[in-house]
Amino acid sequence: MQKQKGVMTSKDIFDKAFPQNKQIGGSHYRNFSIQPYEFISKNDLSFFQGCVIKYVCRYKNKNGIQDLEKVIHYCELEIKKLKDGKKIKSS
Protein backbone atom coordinates (compact mmCIF):
# COMPACT_ATOMS: atom_id res chain seq x y z
CA MET A 1 0.00 0.00 0.00
CA GLN A 2 1.43 3.36 -1.01
CA LYS A 3 1.43 6.34 1.30
CA GLN A 4 -0.46 9.26 -0.18
CA LYS A 5 1.55 12.40 -0.77
CA GLY A 6 0.63 15.26 1.52
CA VAL A 7 -1.05 13.02 4.10
CA MET A 8 0.56 13.18 7.52
CA THR A 9 0.67 10.34 9.98
CA SER A 10 -0.61 11.10 13.47
CA LYS A 11 3.00 11.24 14.75
CA ASP A 12 3.89 13.86 12.11
CA ILE A 13 0.99 16.01 13.26
CA PHE A 14 2.21 15.99 16.86
CA ASP A 15 5.86 16.61 15.92
CA LYS A 16 4.88 19.71 13.99
CA ALA A 17 2.36 20.93 16.57
CA PHE A 18 4.66 20.36 19.58
CA PRO A 19 8.30 20.75 18.47
CA GLN A 20 9.29 21.27 22.13
CA ASN A 21 8.50 17.58 22.74
CA LYS A 22 10.98 16.43 20.10
CA GLN A 23 14.73 16.14 20.65
CA ILE A 24 17.16 15.31 17.91
CA GLY A 25 20.43 13.63 18.83
CA GLY A 26 19.76 12.13 22.23
CA SER A 27 17.55 12.48 25.26
CA HIS A 28 19.83 14.47 27.60
CA TYR A 29 17.28 17.30 28.07
CA ARG A 30 14.13 15.18 28.33
CA ASN A 31 14.18 14.70 32.12
CA PHE A 32 14.26 18.38 33.05
CA SER A 33 11.01 19.88 34.29
CA ILE A 34 11.94 23.05 32.39
CA GLN A 35 13.76 22.57 29.10
CA PRO A 36 16.91 24.70 28.77
CA TYR A 37 15.58 26.34 25.57
CA GLU A 38 12.44 27.42 27.45
CA PHE A 39 14.41 28.91 30.37
CA ILE A 40 16.77 30.70 27.95
CA SER A 41 13.92 32.09 25.87
CA LYS A 42 11.70 33.20 28.75
CA ASN A 43 14.61 34.96 30.43
CA ASP A 44 15.81 36.65 27.21
CA LEU A 45 19.36 35.41 27.69
CA SER A 46 22.17 36.19 25.28
CA PHE A 47 23.65 33.54 23.01
CA PHE A 48 26.61 32.95 25.33
CA GLN A 49 24.41 32.82 28.44
CA GLY A 50 22.15 30.33 26.70
CA CYS A 51 25.09 28.11 25.83
CA VAL A 52 26.21 28.11 29.47
CA ILE A 53 22.74 27.01 30.59
CA LYS A 54 22.54 24.35 27.90
CA TYR A 55 25.93 22.79 28.59
CA VAL A 56 25.72 22.94 32.38
CA CYS A 57 22.36 21.15 32.21
CA ARG A 58 23.52 18.34 29.98
CA TYR A 59 27.08 17.56 31.07
CA LYS A 60 26.13 14.65 33.38
CA ASN A 61 24.12 12.91 30.65
CA LYS A 62 26.11 13.69 27.53
CA ASN A 63 29.75 14.78 27.25
CA GLY A 64 30.92 15.17 30.86
CA ILE A 65 34.07 17.24 31.27
CA GLN A 66 34.00 18.42 27.65
CA ASP A 67 30.63 20.10 28.25
CA LEU A 68 31.97 21.76 31.43
CA GLU A 69 34.94 23.03 29.42
CA LYS A 70 32.44 24.52 26.98
CA VAL A 71 30.70 26.24 29.92
CA ILE A 72 34.01 27.87 30.85
CA HIS A 73 34.66 28.84 27.23
CA TYR A 74 31.25 30.49 26.83
CA CYS A 75 31.74 32.33 30.14
CA GLU A 76 35.06 33.63 28.80
CA LEU A 77 33.35 34.76 25.60
CA GLU A 78 30.63 36.55 27.59
CA ILE A 79 33.30 38.30 29.69
CA LYS A 80 35.12 39.39 26.52
CA LYS A 81 31.88 40.71 25.05
CA LEU A 82 31.21 42.73 28.20
CA LYS A 83 34.76 44.10 28.32
CA ASP A 84 34.68 45.00 24.63
CA GLY A 85 31.38 46.79 25.18
CA LYS A 86 32.90 48.88 27.99
CA LYS A 87 35.83 49.86 25.77
CA ILE A 88 33.47 51.15 23.08
CA LYS A 89 31.40 53.15 25.62
CA SER A 90 34.46 54.75 27.22
CA SER A 91 35.98 55.81 23.86
PDB file of N, CA and C in Angstrom:
ATOM      1  N   MET A   1       0.836  -1.177   0.000  1.00  0.00           N
ATOM      2  CA  MET A   1       0.000   0.000   0.000  1.00  0.00           C
ATOM      3  C   MET A   1       0.883   1.243   0.000  1.00  0.00           C
ATOM      4  N   GLN A   2       0.637   2.145  -0.911  1.00  0.00           N
ATOM      5  CA  GLN A   2       1.433   3.359  -1.006  1.00  0.00           C
ATOM      6  C   GLN A   2       0.883   4.433  -0.089  1.00  0.00           C
ATOM      7  N   LYS A   3       1.823   5.201   0.474  1.00  0.00           N
ATOM      8  CA  LYS A   3       1.429   6.335   1.299  1.00  0.00           C
ATOM      9  C   LYS A   3       1.070   7.495   0.376  1.00  0.00           C
ATOM     10  N   GLN A   4      -0.046   8.131   0.642  1.00  0.00           N
ATOM     11  CA  GLN A   4      -0.463   9.262  -0.182  1.00  0.00           C
ATOM     12  C   GLN A   4       0.420  10.464   0.102  1.00  0.00           C
ATOM     13  N   LYS A   5       0.761  11.184  -0.942  1.00  0.00           N
ATOM     14  CA  LYS A   5       1.547  12.397  -0.774  1.00  0.00           C
ATOM     15  C   LYS A   5       0.690  13.451  -0.079  1.00  0.00           C
ATOM     16  N   GLY A   6       1.324  14.184   0.837  1.00  0.00           N
ATOM     17  CA  GLY A   6       0.631  15.257   1.520  1.00  0.00           C
ATOM     18  C   GLY A   6      -0.181  14.815   2.724  1.00  0.00           C
ATOM     19  N   VAL A   7      -0.301  13.509   2.950  1.00  0.00           N
ATOM     20  CA  VAL A   7      -1.055  13.016   4.099  1.00  0.00           C
ATOM     21  C   VAL A   7      -0.059  12.753   5.227  1.00  0.00           C
ATOM     22  N   MET A   8      -0.330  13.336   6.381  1.00  0.00           N
ATOM     23  CA  MET A   8       0.561  13.179   7.524  1.00  0.00           C
ATOM     24  C   MET A   8       0.096  12.018   8.394  1.00  0.00           C
ATOM     25  N   THR A   9       1.047  11.329   8.975  1.00  0.00           N
ATOM     26  CA  THR A   9       0.672  10.340   9.980  1.00  0.00           C
ATOM     27  C   THR A   9       0.359  11.087  11.265  1.00  0.00           C
ATOM     28  N   SER A  10      -0.270  10.431  12.207  1.00  0.00           N
ATOM     29  CA  SER A  10      -0.613  11.099  13.465  1.00  0.00           C
ATOM     30  C   SER A  10       0.640  11.574  14.192  1.00  0.00           C
ATOM     31  N   LYS A  11       1.746  10.828  14.123  1.00  0.00           N
ATOM     32  CA  LYS A  11       3.005  11.241  14.751  1.00  0.00           C
ATOM     33  C   LYS A  11       3.513  12.532  14.126  1.00  0.00           C
ATOM     34  N   ASP A  12       3.446  12.649  12.801  1.00  0.00           N
ATOM     35  CA  ASP A  12       3.888  13.861  12.114  1.00  0.00           C
ATOM     36  C   ASP A  12       3.104  15.081  12.587  1.00  0.00           C
ATOM     37  N   ILE A  13       1.837  14.901  12.805  1.00  0.00           N
ATOM     38  CA  ILE A  13       0.986  16.008  13.262  1.00  0.00           C
ATOM     39  C   ILE A  13       1.474  16.505  14.617  1.00  0.00           C
ATOM     40  N   PHE A  14       1.761  15.590  15.540  1.00  0.00           N
ATOM     41  CA  PHE A  14       2.207  15.990  16.863  1.00  0.00           C
ATOM     42  C   PHE A  14       3.606  16.582  16.847  1.00  0.00           C
ATOM     43  N   ASP A  15       4.511  16.050  16.025  1.00  0.00           N
ATOM     44  CA  ASP A  15       5.864  16.606  15.924  1.00  0.00           C
ATOM     45  C   ASP A  15       5.826  18.052  15.458  1.00  0.00           C
ATOM     46  N   LYS A  16       4.971  18.343  14.508  1.00  0.00           N
ATOM     47  CA  LYS A  16       4.883  19.705  13.987  1.00  0.00           C
ATOM     48  C   LYS A  16       4.144  20.633  14.957  1.00  0.00           C
ATOM     49  N   ALA A  17       3.148  20.114  15.651  1.00  0.00           N
ATOM     50  CA  ALA A  17       2.359  20.928  16.574  1.00  0.00           C
ATOM     51  C   ALA A  17       3.096  21.181  17.890  1.00  0.00           C
ATOM     52  N   PHE A  18       3.954  20.252  18.298  1.00  0.00           N
ATOM     53  CA  PHE A  18       4.657  20.356  19.576  1.00  0.00           C
ATOM     54  C   PHE A  18       6.160  20.102  19.394  1.00  0.00           C
ATOM     55  N   PRO A  19       6.869  20.990  18.706  1.00  0.00           N
ATOM     56  CA  PRO A  19       8.301  20.748  18.473  1.00  0.00           C
ATOM     57  C   PRO A  19       9.103  20.698  19.767  1.00  0.00           C
ATOM     58  N   GLN A  20       8.592  21.289  20.852  1.00  0.00           N
ATOM     59  CA  GLN A  20       9.290  21.266  22.131  1.00  0.00           C
ATOM     60  C   GLN A  20       9.338  19.864  22.736  1.00  0.00           C
ATOM     61  N   ASN A  21       8.510  18.954  22.240  1.00  0.00           N
ATOM     62  CA  ASN A  21       8.502  17.582  22.739  1.00  0.00           C
ATOM     63  C   ASN A  21       9.437  16.665  21.955  1.00  0.00           C
ATOM     64  N   LYS A  22      10.085  17.222  20.954  1.00  0.00           N
ATOM     65  CA  LYS A  22      10.980  16.430  20.105  1.00  0.00           C
ATOM     66  C   LYS A  22      12.415  16.835  20.412  1.00  0.00           C
ATOM     67  N   GLN A  23      13.306  15.857  20.488  1.00  0.00           N
ATOM     68  CA  GLN A  23      14.726  16.140  20.647  1.00  0.00           C
ATOM     69  C   GLN A  23      15.486  15.318  19.626  1.00  0.00           C
ATOM     70  N   ILE A  24      16.358  15.975  18.920  1.00  0.00           N
ATOM     71  CA  ILE A  24      17.164  15.315  17.906  1.00  0.00           C
ATOM     72  C   ILE A  24      18.562  15.112  18.473  1.00  0.00           C
ATOM     73  N   GLY A  25      19.065  13.902  18.394  1.00  0.00           N
ATOM     74  CA  GLY A  25      20.432  13.629  18.828  1.00  0.00           C
ATOM     75  C   GLY A  25      20.568  13.266  20.294  1.00  0.00           C
ATOM     76  N   GLY A  26      19.626  12.581  20.847  1.00  0.00           N
ATOM     77  CA  GLY A  26      19.757  12.126  22.227  1.00  0.00           C
ATOM     78  C   GLY A  26      18.527  12.423  23.050  1.00  0.00           C
ATOM     79  N   SER A  27      18.677  12.219  24.356  1.00  0.00           N
ATOM     80  CA  SER A  27      17.553  12.478  25.263  1.00  0.00           C
ATOM     81  C   SER A  27      18.039  13.203  26.523  1.00  0.00           C
ATOM     82  N   HIS A  28      19.192  13.864  26.431  1.00  0.00           N
ATOM     83  CA  HIS A  28      19.829  14.468  27.596  1.00  0.00           C
ATOM     84  C   HIS A  28      19.068  15.651  28.195  1.00  0.00           C
ATOM     85  N   TYR A  29      18.079  16.212  27.509  1.00  0.00           N
ATOM     86  CA  TYR A  29      17.278  17.301  28.073  1.00  0.00           C
ATOM     87  C   TYR A  29      15.883  16.843  28.502  1.00  0.00           C
ATOM     88  N   ARG A  30      15.517  15.652  28.161  1.00  0.00           N
ATOM     89  CA  ARG A  30      14.130  15.184  28.335  1.00  0.00           C
ATOM     90  C   ARG A  30      13.680  15.089  29.792  1.00  0.00           C
ATOM     91  N   ASN A  31      14.578  14.900  30.729  1.00  0.00           N
ATOM     92  CA  ASN A  31      14.179  14.696  32.119  1.00  0.00           C
ATOM     93  C   ASN A  31      14.078  15.987  32.932  1.00  0.00           C
ATOM     94  N   PHE A  32      14.374  17.110  32.325  1.00  0.00           N
ATOM     95  CA  PHE A  32      14.263  18.381  33.046  1.00  0.00           C
ATOM     96  C   PHE A  32      12.815  18.837  33.081  1.00  0.00           C
ATOM     97  N   SER A  33      12.379  19.386  34.209  1.00  0.00           N
ATOM     98  CA  SER A  33      11.013  19.882  34.289  1.00  0.00           C
ATOM     99  C   SER A  33      10.844  21.162  33.477  1.00  0.00           C
ATOM    100  N   ILE A  34      11.928  21.895  33.290  1.00  0.00           N
ATOM    101  CA  ILE A  34      11.940  23.052  32.385  1.00  0.00           C
ATOM    102  C   ILE A  34      13.067  22.821  31.394  1.00  0.00           C
ATOM    103  N   GLN A  35      12.742  22.771  30.131  1.00  0.00           N
ATOM    104  CA  GLN A  35      13.755  22.568  29.100  1.00  0.00           C
ATOM    105  C   GLN A  35      14.694  23.781  29.051  1.00  0.00           C
ATOM    106  N   PRO A  36      15.986  23.570  28.850  1.00  0.00           N
ATOM    107  CA  PRO A  36      16.909  24.703  28.772  1.00  0.00           C
ATOM    108  C   PRO A  36      16.472  25.770  27.755  1.00  0.00           C
ATOM    109  N   TYR A  37      15.981  25.356  26.577  1.00  0.00           N
ATOM    110  CA  TYR A  37      15.580  26.340  25.571  1.00  0.00           C
ATOM    111  C   TYR A  37      14.464  27.234  26.110  1.00  0.00           C
ATOM    112  N   GLU A  38      13.553  26.656  26.910  1.00  0.00           N
ATOM    113  CA  GLU A  38      12.439  27.419  27.452  1.00  0.00           C
ATOM    114  C   GLU A  38      12.932  28.436  28.483  1.00  0.00           C
ATOM    115  N   PHE A  39      13.838  28.014  29.361  1.00  0.00           N
ATOM    116  CA  PHE A  39      14.413  28.910  30.366  1.00  0.00           C
ATOM    117  C   PHE A  39      15.167  30.053  29.687  1.00  0.00           C
ATOM    118  N   ILE A  40      15.978  29.711  28.687  1.00  0.00           N
ATOM    119  CA  ILE A  40      16.768  30.697  27.952  1.00  0.00           C
ATOM    120  C   ILE A  40      15.857  31.707  27.273  1.00  0.00           C
ATOM    121  N   SER A  41      14.849  31.223  26.605  1.00  0.00           N
ATOM    122  CA  SER A  41      13.923  32.085  25.870  1.00  0.00           C
ATOM    123  C   SER A  41      13.120  32.988  26.801  1.00  0.00           C
ATOM    124  N   LYS A  42      12.548  32.416  27.846  1.00  0.00           N
ATOM    125  CA  LYS A  42      11.698  33.196  28.753  1.00  0.00           C
ATOM    126  C   LYS A  42      12.480  34.233  29.549  1.00  0.00           C
ATOM    127  N   ASN A  43      13.785  34.024  29.693  1.00  0.00           N
ATOM    128  CA  ASN A  43      14.615  34.963  30.431  1.00  0.00           C
ATOM    129  C   ASN A  43      15.431  35.869  29.510  1.00  0.00           C
ATOM    130  N   ASP A  44      15.170  35.782  28.210  1.00  0.00           N
ATOM    131  CA  ASP A  44      15.806  36.646  27.215  1.00  0.00           C
ATOM    132  C   ASP A  44      17.331  36.684  27.368  1.00  0.00           C
ATOM    133  N   LEU A  45      17.923  35.499  27.499  1.00  0.00           N
ATOM    134  CA  LEU A  45      19.361  35.409  27.692  1.00  0.00           C
ATOM    135  C   LEU A  45      20.105  35.574  26.369  1.00  0.00           C
ATOM    136  N   SER A  46      21.329  36.041  26.469  1.00  0.00           N
ATOM    137  CA  SER A  46      22.174  36.188  25.280  1.00  0.00           C
ATOM    138  C   SER A  46      22.583  34.808  24.763  1.00  0.00           C
ATOM    139  N   PHE A  47      23.181  34.790  23.593  1.00  0.00           N
ATOM    140  CA  PHE A  47      23.648  33.536  23.006  1.00  0.00           C
ATOM    141  C   PHE A  47      24.616  32.827  23.955  1.00  0.00           C
ATOM    142  N   PHE A  48      25.607  33.565  24.465  1.00  0.00           N
ATOM    143  CA  PHE A  48      26.608  32.949  25.331  1.00  0.00           C
ATOM    144  C   PHE A  48      25.991  32.468  26.646  1.00  0.00           C
ATOM    145  N   GLN A  49      25.093  33.243  27.227  1.00  0.00           N
ATOM    146  CA  GLN A  49      24.408  32.816  28.445  1.00  0.00           C
ATOM    147  C   GLN A  49      23.600  31.550  28.187  1.00  0.00           C
ATOM    148  N   GLY A  50      22.932  31.506  27.059  1.00  0.00           N
ATOM    149  CA  GLY A  50      22.145  30.334  26.703  1.00  0.00           C
ATOM    150  C   GLY A  50      23.004  29.084  26.565  1.00  0.00           C
ATOM    151  N   CYS A  51      24.177  29.254  25.980  1.00  0.00           N
ATOM    152  CA  CYS A  51      25.093  28.111  25.832  1.00  0.00           C
ATOM    153  C   CYS A  51      25.536  27.601  27.193  1.00  0.00           C
ATOM    154  N   VAL A  52      25.815  28.518  28.122  1.00  0.00           N
ATOM    155  CA  VAL A  52      26.210  28.112  29.475  1.00  0.00           C
ATOM    156  C   VAL A  52      25.102  27.274  30.105  1.00  0.00           C
ATOM    157  N   ILE A  53      23.870  27.750  30.017  1.00  0.00           N
ATOM    158  CA  ILE A  53      22.736  27.014  30.585  1.00  0.00           C
ATOM    159  C   ILE A  53      22.630  25.634  29.952  1.00  0.00           C
ATOM    160  N   LYS A  54      22.692  25.598  28.636  1.00  0.00           N
ATOM    161  CA  LYS A  54      22.535  24.346  27.898  1.00  0.00           C
ATOM    162  C   LYS A  54      23.599  23.318  28.300  1.00  0.00           C
ATOM    163  N   TYR A  55      24.864  23.740  28.306  1.00  0.00           N
ATOM    164  CA  TYR A  55      25.932  22.786  28.590  1.00  0.00           C
ATOM    165  C   TYR A  55      26.003  22.388  30.060  1.00  0.00           C
ATOM    166  N   VAL A  56      25.686  23.308  30.970  1.00  0.00           N
ATOM    167  CA  VAL A  56      25.723  22.937  32.384  1.00  0.00           C
ATOM    168  C   VAL A  56      24.579  21.969  32.709  1.00  0.00           C
ATOM    169  N   CYS A  57      23.480  22.078  31.994  1.00  0.00           N
ATOM    170  CA  CYS A  57      22.364  21.153  32.208  1.00  0.00           C
ATOM    171  C   CYS A  57      22.667  19.752  31.694  1.00  0.00           C
ATOM    172  N   ARG A  58      23.390  19.642  30.626  1.00  0.00           N
ATOM    173  CA  ARG A  58      23.517  18.337  29.981  1.00  0.00           C
ATOM    174  C   ARG A  58      24.789  17.564  30.296  1.00  0.00           C
ATOM    175  N   TYR A  59      25.773  18.203  30.958  1.00  0.00           N
ATOM    176  CA  TYR A  59      27.080  17.562  31.074  1.00  0.00           C
ATOM    177  C   TYR A  59      27.042  16.176  31.722  1.00  0.00           C
ATOM    178  N   LYS A  60      26.182  15.959  32.705  1.00  0.00           N
ATOM    179  CA  LYS A  60      26.134  14.649  33.377  1.00  0.00           C
ATOM    180  C   LYS A  60      25.602  13.546  32.471  1.00  0.00           C
ATOM    181  N   ASN A  61      24.774  13.917  31.500  1.00  0.00           N
ATOM    182  CA  ASN A  61      24.121  12.914  30.650  1.00  0.00           C
ATOM    183  C   ASN A  61      24.635  12.881  29.225  1.00  0.00           C
ATOM    184  N   LYS A  62      25.638  13.710  28.905  1.00  0.00           N
ATOM    185  CA  LYS A  62      26.109  13.690  27.527  1.00  0.00           C
ATOM    186  C   LYS A  62      27.629  13.633  27.458  1.00  0.00           C
ATOM    187  N   ASN A  63      28.309  14.765  27.534  1.00  0.00           N
ATOM    188  CA  ASN A  63      29.751  14.782  27.245  1.00  0.00           C
ATOM    189  C   ASN A  63      30.644  15.080  28.448  1.00  0.00           C
ATOM    190  N   GLY A  64      30.116  15.032  29.651  1.00  0.00           N
ATOM    191  CA  GLY A  64      30.921  15.170  30.859  1.00  0.00           C
ATOM    192  C   GLY A  64      31.816  16.396  30.885  1.00  0.00           C
ATOM    193  N   ILE A  65      33.091  16.163  31.118  1.00  0.00           N
ATOM    194  CA  ILE A  65      34.071  17.244  31.266  1.00  0.00           C
ATOM    195  C   ILE A  65      34.108  18.149  30.045  1.00  0.00           C
ATOM    196  N   GLN A  66      33.979  17.591  28.858  1.00  0.00           N
ATOM    197  CA  GLN A  66      34.001  18.420  27.648  1.00  0.00           C
ATOM    198  C   GLN A  66      32.898  19.477  27.686  1.00  0.00           C
ATOM    199  N   ASP A  67      31.715  19.125  28.145  1.00  0.00           N
ATOM    200  CA  ASP A  67      30.629  20.102  28.255  1.00  0.00           C
ATOM    201  C   ASP A  67      30.954  21.163  29.308  1.00  0.00           C
ATOM    202  N   LEU A  68      31.579  20.769  30.417  1.00  0.00           N
ATOM    203  CA  LEU A  68      31.973  21.760  31.426  1.00  0.00           C
ATOM    204  C   LEU A  68      33.054  22.700  30.888  1.00  0.00           C
ATOM    205  N   GLU A  69      33.938  22.167  30.066  1.00  0.00           N
ATOM    206  CA  GLU A  69      34.939  23.030  29.422  1.00  0.00           C
ATOM    207  C   GLU A  69      34.265  24.029  28.479  1.00  0.00           C
ATOM    208  N   LYS A  70      33.204  23.603  27.833  1.00  0.00           N
ATOM    209  CA  LYS A  70      32.438  24.517  26.981  1.00  0.00           C
ATOM    210  C   LYS A  70      31.770  25.600  27.820  1.00  0.00           C
ATOM    211  N   VAL A  71      31.282  25.247  29.011  1.00  0.00           N
ATOM    212  CA  VAL A  71      30.695  26.241  29.922  1.00  0.00           C
ATOM    213  C   VAL A  71      31.727  27.328  30.210  1.00  0.00           C
ATOM    214  N   ILE A  72      32.931  26.912  30.558  1.00  0.00           N
ATOM    215  CA  ILE A  72      34.008  27.874  30.847  1.00  0.00           C
ATOM    216  C   ILE A  72      34.296  28.730  29.624  1.00  0.00           C
ATOM    217  N   HIS A  73      34.378  28.113  28.462  1.00  0.00           N
ATOM    218  CA  HIS A  73      34.661  28.841  27.225  1.00  0.00           C
ATOM    219  C   HIS A  73      33.599  29.899  26.951  1.00  0.00           C
ATOM    220  N   TYR A  74      32.322  29.530  27.091  1.00  0.00           N
ATOM    221  CA  TYR A  74      31.249  30.493  26.834  1.00  0.00           C
ATOM    222  C   TYR A  74      31.216  31.592  27.897  1.00  0.00           C
ATOM    223  N   CYS A  75      31.608  31.281  29.126  1.00  0.00           N
ATOM    224  CA  CYS A  75      31.744  32.333  30.144  1.00  0.00           C
ATOM    225  C   CYS A  75      32.852  33.306  29.748  1.00  0.00           C
ATOM    226  N   GLU A  76      33.967  32.776  29.261  1.00  0.00           N
ATOM    227  CA  GLU A  76      35.064  33.633  28.804  1.00  0.00           C
ATOM    228  C   GLU A  76      34.629  34.521  27.642  1.00  0.00           C
ATOM    229  N   LEU A  77      33.848  33.963  26.730  1.00  0.00           N
ATOM    230  CA  LEU A  77      33.353  34.762  25.599  1.00  0.00           C
ATOM    231  C   LEU A  77      32.391  35.854  26.066  1.00  0.00           C
ATOM    232  N   GLU A  78      31.551  35.545  27.045  1.00  0.00           N
ATOM    233  CA  GLU A  78      30.628  36.549  27.594  1.00  0.00           C
ATOM    234  C   GLU A  78      31.408  37.664  28.290  1.00  0.00           C
ATOM    235  N   ILE A  79      32.449  37.294  29.029  1.00  0.00           N
ATOM    236  CA  ILE A  79      33.297  38.298  29.686  1.00  0.00           C
ATOM    237  C   ILE A  79      33.959  39.193  28.648  1.00  0.00           C
ATOM    238  N   LYS A  80      34.490  38.603  27.584  1.00  0.00           N
ATOM    239  CA  LYS A  80      35.124  39.385  26.516  1.00  0.00           C
ATOM    240  C   LYS A  80      34.128  40.347  25.885  1.00  0.00           C
ATOM    241  N   LYS A  81      32.916  39.861  25.633  1.00  0.00           N
ATOM    242  CA  LYS A  81      31.876  40.707  25.046  1.00  0.00           C
ATOM    243  C   LYS A  81      31.588  41.904  25.956  1.00  0.00           C
ATOM    244  N   LEU A  82      31.481  41.655  27.255  1.00  0.00           N
ATOM    245  CA  LEU A  82      31.208  42.732  28.200  1.00  0.00           C
ATOM    246  C   LEU A  82      32.364  43.734  28.260  1.00  0.00           C
ATOM    247  N   LYS A  83      33.590  43.224  28.292  1.00  0.00           N
ATOM    248  CA  LYS A  83      34.760  44.103  28.323  1.00  0.00           C
ATOM    249  C   LYS A  83      34.862  44.925  27.038  1.00  0.00           C
ATOM    250  N   ASP A  84      34.620  44.282  25.905  1.00  0.00           N
ATOM    251  CA  ASP A  84      34.677  45.004  24.628  1.00  0.00           C
ATOM    252  C   ASP A  84      33.608  46.082  24.574  1.00  0.00           C
ATOM    253  N   GLY A  85      32.455  45.809  25.135  1.00  0.00           N
ATOM    254  CA  GLY A  85      31.376  46.790  25.178  1.00  0.00           C
ATOM    255  C   GLY A  85      31.746  47.996  26.030  1.00  0.00           C
ATOM    256  N   LYS A  86      32.452  47.773  27.124  1.00  0.00           N
ATOM    257  CA  LYS A  86      32.896  48.878  27.992  1.00  0.00           C
ATOM    258  C   LYS A  86      33.925  49.742  27.294  1.00  0.00           C
ATOM    259  N   LYS A  87      34.817  49.111  26.505  1.00  0.00           N
ATOM    260  CA  LYS A  87      35.832  49.864  25.771  1.00  0.00           C
ATOM    261  C   LYS A  87      35.184  50.804  24.775  1.00  0.00           C
ATOM    262  N   ILE A  88      34.174  50.333  24.091  1.00  0.00           N
ATOM    263  CA  ILE A  88      33.471  51.150  23.083  1.00  0.00           C
ATOM    264  C   ILE A  88      32.771  52.323  23.766  1.00  0.00           C
ATOM    265  N   LYS A  89      32.131  52.100  24.901  1.00  0.00           N
ATOM    266  CA  LYS A  89      31.402  53.151  25.616  1.00  0.00           C
ATOM    267  C   LYS A  89      32.335  54.209  26.179  1.00  0.00           C
ATOM    268  N   SER A  90      33.525  53.801  26.602  1.00  0.00           N
ATOM    269  CA  SER A  90      34.457  54.753  27.216  1.00  0.00           C
ATOM    270  C   SER A  90      35.276  55.526  26.182  1.00  0.00           C
ATOM    271  N   SER A  91      35.187  55.137  24.920  1.00  0.00           N
ATOM    272  CA  SER A  91      35.976  55.813  23.863  1.00  0.00           C
ATOM    273  C   SER A  91      35.452  57.187  23.568  1.00  0.00           C
TER     274      SER A  91
END
